């Protein structure tokens, strides 16, 4: 009976702990190394030196405010790399930091930053004089999938994209810490990427890509990484179980040199795609490579033209 009561007590503690805002590890002398303790109810603040806390998005649905607290506390610089960025409150905080003399620099994914819902945020940052570079892998494939923010005193990173859905709907993790070694490591990586992608200003890259002109679908594999108009006869517009549409230019997808891809979130913009079957169409955009096959990802109807 005594052991049952002890086990019940431990279970109750775990249940209560799971409802807290964050889960933290502190390096204070009074703490036990490796012991997880709940943090105070108010965590939206600059973290104390020598602490690390891990936030689960749906506990309080305020990861954006956690980022803003770090931005507001920065004294000399803020560096960030983010895959999806649609939160205006975070953008406003970065612009305000720039306005008070803090160095702010960023890196975004070339594909995501060109989408309609990311563009206004990027435009706001660039208009404020914040350098925002875009990932541009030489191979034409690969994405900039980092989600990190580093200031002169802290860092924040995890699965958390800076979007409303990541803040209020998705299961996401955000680690916030002040460990000097980790903070410097993440800062060094971001600096390395800023140098690697220097001169690829996000707004300019999205607004005016340089096209190599019109090419045939059979020529697409030789132009991975280029922006082009790829022309061919569409065999089928196939919708997968996930809702993604594949524009096939061959009867056999596996042996085809080129295809078009429209992800589920963008499909509704294009209307009835079956009307293009058997007709000559032109796909416009950056040619990338997926599993050895050339493709263009379409996010806007103006990337698809029929004769």
Protein backbone atom coordinates (compact mmCIF):
# COMPACT_ATOMS: atom_id res chain seq x y z
CA UNK A 1 0.00 0.00 0.00
CA UNK A 2 2.81 2.40 0.90
CA UNK A 3 4.48 1.85 -2.49
CA UNK A 4 1.18 2.42 -4.27
CA UNK A 5 0.75 5.76 -2.49
CA UNK A 6 4.28 6.80 -3.45
CA UNK A 7 3.69 5.88 -7.07
CA UNK A 8 0.39 7.76 -7.10
CA UNK A 9 2.13 10.82 -5.69
CA UNK A 10 4.82 10.69 -8.37
CA UNK A 11 2.16 10.39 -11.09
CA UNK A 12 0.33 13.44 -9.70
CA UNK A 13 3.54 15.48 -9.77
CA UNK A 14 4.13 14.51 -13.41
CA UNK A 15 0.59 15.45 -14.40
CA UNK A 16 0.89 18.85 -12.71
CA UNK A 17 4.29 19.43 -14.31
CA UNK A 18 2.94 18.70 -17.79
CA UNK A 19 0.56 21.65 -17.52
CA UNK A 20 3.24 24.28 -16.97
CA UNK A 21 4.40 26.77 -19.59
CA UNK A 22 7.93 25.50 -19.93
CA UNK A 23 10.41 22.88 -18.86
CA UNK A 24 13.73 24.23 -17.65
CA UNK A 25 17.22 23.22 -16.58
CA UNK A 26 19.18 25.72 -14.50
CA UNK A 27 22.84 25.84 -13.57
CA UNK A 28 22.22 27.50 -10.19
CA UNK A 29 24.22 25.95 -7.35
CA UNK A 30 21.07 24.99 -5.51
CA UNK A 31 19.70 22.87 -8.35
CA UNK A 32 20.37 19.21 -9.04
CA UNK A 33 22.05 18.57 -12.40
CA UNK A 34 19.64 17.12 -14.94
CA UNK A 35 16.54 17.73 -12.79
CA UNK A 36 13.55 19.15 -14.69
CA UNK A 37 11.56 21.79 -12.81
CA UNK A 38 8.58 23.87 -13.81
CA UNK A 39 9.27 27.52 -14.55
CA UNK A 40 7.22 30.44 -13.21
CA UNK A 41 3.92 31.30 -14.88
CA UNK A 42 5.44 34.33 -16.61
CA UNK A 43 8.16 33.21 -19.00
CA UNK A 44 7.91 35.96 -21.59
CA UNK A 45 11.12 37.69 -20.61
CA UNK A 46 14.82 37.72 -21.32
CA UNK A 47 16.20 34.42 -19.95
CA UNK A 48 18.47 34.49 -16.94
CA UNK A 49 22.14 33.76 -17.54
CA UNK A 50 23.03 30.08 -17.34
CA UNK A 51 19.52 28.79 -18.02
CA UNK A 52 17.80 26.76 -20.71
CA UNK A 53 14.09 26.23 -21.12
CA UNK A 54 12.13 24.19 -23.64
CA UNK A 55 8.66 25.40 -24.60
CA UNK A 56 5.88 23.29 -26.07
CA UNK A 57 3.84 25.48 -28.42
CA UNK A 58 0.34 24.56 -27.29
CA UNK A 59 0.91 24.97 -23.54
CA UNK A 60 0.41 28.74 -23.80
CA UNK A 61 0.39 29.48 -27.56
CA UNK A 62 2.80 32.37 -27.13
CA UNK A 63 6.05 31.29 -28.74
CA UNK A 64 5.94 34.47 -30.82
CA UNK A 65 5.99 36.54 -27.62
CA UNK A 66 8.96 34.52 -26.38
CA UNK A 67 10.89 35.47 -29.52
CA UNK A 68 9.87 39.10 -29.19
CA UNK A 69 11.17 39.14 -25.60
CA UNK A 70 14.59 38.03 -26.86
CA UNK A 71 14.51 40.58 -29.67
CA UNK A 72 13.56 43.39 -27.30
CA UNK A 73 16.38 42.45 -24.91
CA UNK A 74 19.10 42.38 -27.59
CA UNK A 75 21.74 45.08 -27.17
CA UNK A 76 24.15 44.74 -30.09
CA UNK A 77 22.94 42.22 -32.68
CA UNK A 78 20.20 39.83 -33.78
CA UNK A 79 20.77 37.13 -36.39
CA UNK A 80 18.04 34.83 -37.64
CA UNK A 81 17.37 32.06 -40.15
CA UNK A 82 13.78 30.99 -40.68
CA UNK A 83 12.00 28.71 -43.14
CA UNK A 84 8.48 30.17 -42.92
CA UNK A 85 7.93 33.71 -41.66
CA UNK A 86 4.43 35.25 -41.63
CA UNK A 87 4.16 36.76 -38.12
CA UNK A 88 3.95 40.54 -38.35
CA UNK A 89 4.46 41.04 -34.61
CA UNK A 90 7.87 39.37 -34.84
CA UNK A 91 8.74 41.38 -37.96
CA UNK A 92 7.69 44.59 -36.20
CA UNK A 93 9.95 43.73 -33.25
CA UNK A 94 12.92 43.17 -35.57
CA UNK A 95 12.26 46.50 -37.31
CA UNK A 96 12.03 48.24 -33.92
CA UNK A 97 15.35 46.67 -32.89
CA UNK A 98 16.93 47.94 -36.09
CA UNK A 99 15.52 51.38 -35.30
CA UNK A 100 17.20 51.51 -31.90
CA UNK A 101 20.60 50.72 -33.40
CA UNK A 102 20.78 46.92 -33.07
CA UNK A 103 22.36 45.07 -36.01
CA UNK A 104 19.72 42.78 -37.53
CA UNK A 105 20.47 40.26 -40.28
CA UNK A 106 18.43 37.37 -41.63
CA UNK A 107 18.34 34.38 -43.95
CA UNK A 108 15.23 32.82 -45.52
CA UNK A 109 14.42 29.97 -47.88
CA UNK A 110 14.25 31.01 -51.54
CA UNK A 111 11.06 29.06 -52.21
CA UNK A 112 9.13 30.06 -49.11
CA UNK A 113 10.14 33.72 -49.23
CA UNK A 114 8.71 34.01 -52.74
CA UNK A 115 5.23 32.89 -51.66
CA UNK A 116 2.44 35.42 -51.32
CA UNK A 117 2.08 35.02 -47.56
CA UNK A 118 5.83 35.45 -46.84
CA UNK A 119 6.47 38.33 -49.25
CA UNK A 120 4.87 41.14 -47.18
CA UNK A 121 7.01 40.22 -44.16
CA UNK A 122 10.22 40.14 -46.20
CA UNK A 123 9.28 43.44 -47.83
CA UNK A 124 8.78 45.07 -44.41
CA UNK A 125 12.20 43.93 -43.20
CA UNK A 126 14.02 44.97 -46.36
CA UNK A 127 12.26 48.36 -46.39
CA UNK A 128 13.58 48.94 -42.87
CA UNK A 129 17.14 48.35 -44.07
CA UNK A 130 17.48 44.84 -42.67
CA UNK A 131 19.65 42.61 -44.91
CA UNK A 132 17.74 39.41 -45.68
CA UNK A 133 19.57 36.86 -47.79
CA UNK A 134 17.99 33.87 -49.53
CA UNK A 135 19.23 30.29 -49.68
CA UNK A 136 20.43 29.48 -53.17
CA UNK A 137 21.99 26.03 -53.29
CA UNK A 138 24.27 25.55 -56.28
CA UNK A 139 22.66 22.17 -57.00
CA UNK A 140 19.23 23.75 -57.34
CA UNK A 141 17.83 21.37 -54.73
CA UNK A 142 17.76 21.56 -50.96
CA UNK A 143 16.03 24.10 -48.75
CA UNK A 144 17.00 26.44 -45.92
CA UNK A 145 15.11 24.62 -43.17
CA UNK A 146 16.69 26.24 -40.08
CA UNK A 147 14.44 27.98 -37.54
CA UNK A 148 16.78 29.92 -35.27
CA UNK A 149 17.30 33.30 -33.68
CA UNK A 150 20.56 34.35 -31.99
CA UNK A 151 21.17 37.56 -30.05
CA UNK A 152 24.21 38.84 -28.20
CA UNK A 153 23.03 37.07 -25.04
CA UNK A 154 20.68 34.21 -25.97
CA UNK A 155 19.43 31.84 -28.65
CA UNK A 156 16.11 30.27 -29.64
CA UNK A 157 15.67 27.34 -32.00
CA UNK A 158 13.61 24.23 -32.61
CA UNK A 159 10.85 23.05 -34.93
CA UNK A 160 8.94 26.31 -34.52
CA UNK A 161 8.35 28.29 -37.72
CA UNK A 162 7.32 31.92 -37.27
CA UNK A 163 3.72 31.45 -38.38
CA UNK A 164 0.28 31.64 -36.82
CA UNK A 165 -0.34 27.91 -37.30
CA UNK A 166 2.96 27.01 -35.62
CA UNK A 167 2.02 29.28 -32.71
CA UNK A 168 -1.58 28.21 -32.20
CA UNK A 169 -2.25 24.89 -33.92
CA UNK A 170 0.86 22.76 -34.48
CA UNK A 171 2.86 20.67 -32.04
CA UNK A 172 6.17 22.56 -31.93
CA UNK A 173 9.20 22.83 -29.65
CA UNK A 174 11.21 26.00 -28.98
CA UNK A 175 14.42 25.88 -26.96
CA UNK A 176 15.61 29.13 -25.41
CA UNK A 177 19.01 29.26 -23.76
CA UNK A 178 21.97 31.39 -22.77
CA UNK A 179 24.81 28.86 -22.75
CA UNK A 180 27.77 30.89 -24.16
CA UNK A 181 29.24 28.00 -26.14
CA UNK A 182 25.97 26.99 -27.79
CA UNK A 183 25.01 30.60 -28.45
CA UNK A 184 28.35 31.25 -30.16
CA UNK A 185 28.12 28.01 -32.13
CA UNK A 186 24.72 28.92 -33.56
CA UNK A 187 25.90 32.46 -34.28
CA UNK A 188 28.95 31.14 -36.16
CA UNK A 189 26.75 28.92 -38.33
CA UNK A 190 24.44 31.81 -39.23
CA UNK A 191 27.41 34.03 -40.06
CA UNK A 192 28.78 31.29 -42.29
CA UNK A 193 25.47 31.13 -44.16
CA UNK A 194 25.24 34.93 -44.47
CA UNK A 195 28.62 34.82 -46.19
CA UNK A 196 27.73 31.85 -48.40
CA UNK A 197 24.52 33.48 -49.65
CA UNK A 198 25.71 37.08 -49.67
CA UNK A 199 24.17 39.20 -52.40
CA UNK A 200 20.97 37.16 -52.70
CA UNK A 201 18.68 39.81 -51.22
CA UNK A 202 15.30 38.16 -50.60
CA UNK A 203 13.09 40.89 -52.05
CA UNK A 204 15.20 41.26 -55.19
CA UNK A 205 15.48 37.52 -55.74
CA UNK A 206 11.75 37.00 -55.46
CA UNK A 207 10.86 40.01 -57.61
CA UNK A 208 13.17 39.63 -60.56
CA UNK A 209 14.54 36.13 -61.23
CA UNK A 210 16.66 35.87 -64.36
CA UNK A 211 15.23 33.34 -66.82
CA UNK A 212 17.24 31.35 -69.36
CA UNK A 213 14.20 31.37 -71.66
CA UNK A 214 11.96 28.59 -72.98
CA UNK A 215 13.25 25.02 -73.08
CA UNK A 216 11.76 21.57 -73.69
CA UNK A 217 10.95 19.20 -70.85
CA UNK A 218 13.72 16.86 -72.07
CA UNK A 219 16.27 19.66 -71.62
CA UNK A 220 15.23 20.53 -68.05
CA UNK A 221 17.67 18.12 -66.28
CA UNK A 222 20.59 20.02 -67.82
CA UNK A 223 19.43 23.28 -66.25
CA UNK A 224 18.97 22.40 -62.57
CA UNK A 225 19.12 25.58 -60.51
CA UNK A 226 18.09 27.87 -63.37
CA UNK A 227 14.84 29.78 -63.78
CA UNK A 228 13.15 28.86 -67.05
CA UNK A 229 9.93 28.36 -69.00
CA UNK A 230 9.66 24.60 -69.55
CA UNK A 231 7.34 23.62 -72.41
CA UNK A 232 5.79 20.26 -73.19
CA UNK A 233 2.59 18.24 -73.68
CA UNK A 234 0.88 17.44 -70.39
CA UNK A 235 -0.11 13.79 -70.11
CA UNK A 236 -1.90 13.93 -66.76
CA UNK A 237 -2.51 16.02 -63.63
CA UNK A 238 -2.31 13.35 -60.92
CA UNK A 239 -3.53 14.07 -57.38
CA UNK A 240 -1.84 12.04 -54.61
CA UNK A 241 -3.46 10.92 -51.36
CA UNK A 242 -1.89 13.91 -49.60
CA UNK A 243 -3.53 16.32 -52.05
CA UNK A 244 -0.34 17.21 -53.91
CA UNK A 245 -0.78 17.44 -57.69
CA UNK A 246 1.90 16.13 -60.04
CA UNK A 247 1.90 17.46 -63.61
CA UNK A 248 3.19 14.52 -65.62
CA UNK A 249 4.70 14.89 -69.09
CA UNK A 250 5.26 11.14 -69.59
CA UNK A 251 3.09 8.05 -69.17
CA UNK A 252 5.66 6.64 -66.76
CA UNK A 253 6.53 9.11 -63.98
CA UNK A 254 9.66 7.24 -62.91
CA UNK A 255 11.33 7.49 -66.29
CA UNK A 256 10.26 11.04 -67.06
CA UNK A 257 12.94 13.77 -67.13
CA UNK A 258 10.66 16.52 -65.82
CA UNK A 259 7.44 17.16 -63.93
CA UNK A 260 5.53 19.95 -62.21
CA UNK A 261 4.51 19.86 -58.56
CA UNK A 262 1.71 21.77 -56.83
CA UNK A 263 1.52 21.16 -53.09
CA UNK A 264 -1.87 20.67 -51.45
CA UNK A 265 -1.97 24.14 -49.86
CA UNK A 266 -1.73 25.78 -53.29
CA UNK A 267 -3.88 23.45 -55.42
CA UNK A 268 -7.13 25.39 -54.94
CA UNK A 269 -5.58 28.45 -56.62
CA UNK A 270 -5.30 26.60 -59.96
CA UNK A 271 -8.87 25.42 -60.51
CA UNK A 272 -9.55 22.44 -62.79
CA UNK A 273 -6.16 21.20 -63.96
CA UNK A 274 -7.58 18.27 -65.93
CA UNK A 275 -8.44 20.70 -68.75
CA UNK A 276 -4.73 20.86 -69.62
CA UNK A 277 -4.38 17.10 -70.22
CA UNK A 278 -3.23 16.39 -73.77
CA UNK A 279 -2.39 20.05 -74.39
CA UNK A 280 0.90 21.93 -74.66
CA UNK A 281 1.64 23.89 -71.50
CA UNK A 282 4.49 25.95 -70.15
CA UNK A 283 5.65 25.82 -66.53
CA UNK A 284 7.59 28.83 -65.30
CA UNK A 285 9.93 28.86 -62.33
CA UNK A 286 13.14 27.58 -60.80
CA UNK A 287 14.12 24.09 -61.94
CA UNK A 288 15.06 21.93 -58.96
CA UNK A 289 15.97 18.28 -58.57
CA UNK A 290 14.10 15.70 -56.51
CA UNK A 291 15.37 12.11 -56.41
CA UNK A 292 17.25 12.67 -59.66
CA UNK A 293 14.30 14.14 -61.54
CA UNK A 294 13.97 17.77 -62.68
CA UNK A 295 10.86 19.60 -61.51
CA UNK A 296 9.32 23.00 -60.99
CA UNK A 297 7.21 23.67 -57.90
CA UNK A 298 4.23 25.86 -58.76
CA UNK A 299 2.76 28.13 -56.08
CA UNK A 300 0.90 30.62 -58.28
CA UNK A 301 -1.36 30.20 -61.36
CA UNK A 302 0.80 32.64 -63.33
CA UNK A 303 3.47 29.91 -63.40
CA UNK A 304 1.25 27.73 -65.62
CA UNK A 305 0.32 28.72 -69.15
CA UNK A 306 -1.62 26.78 -71.73
CA UNK A 307 -1.55 27.30 -75.49
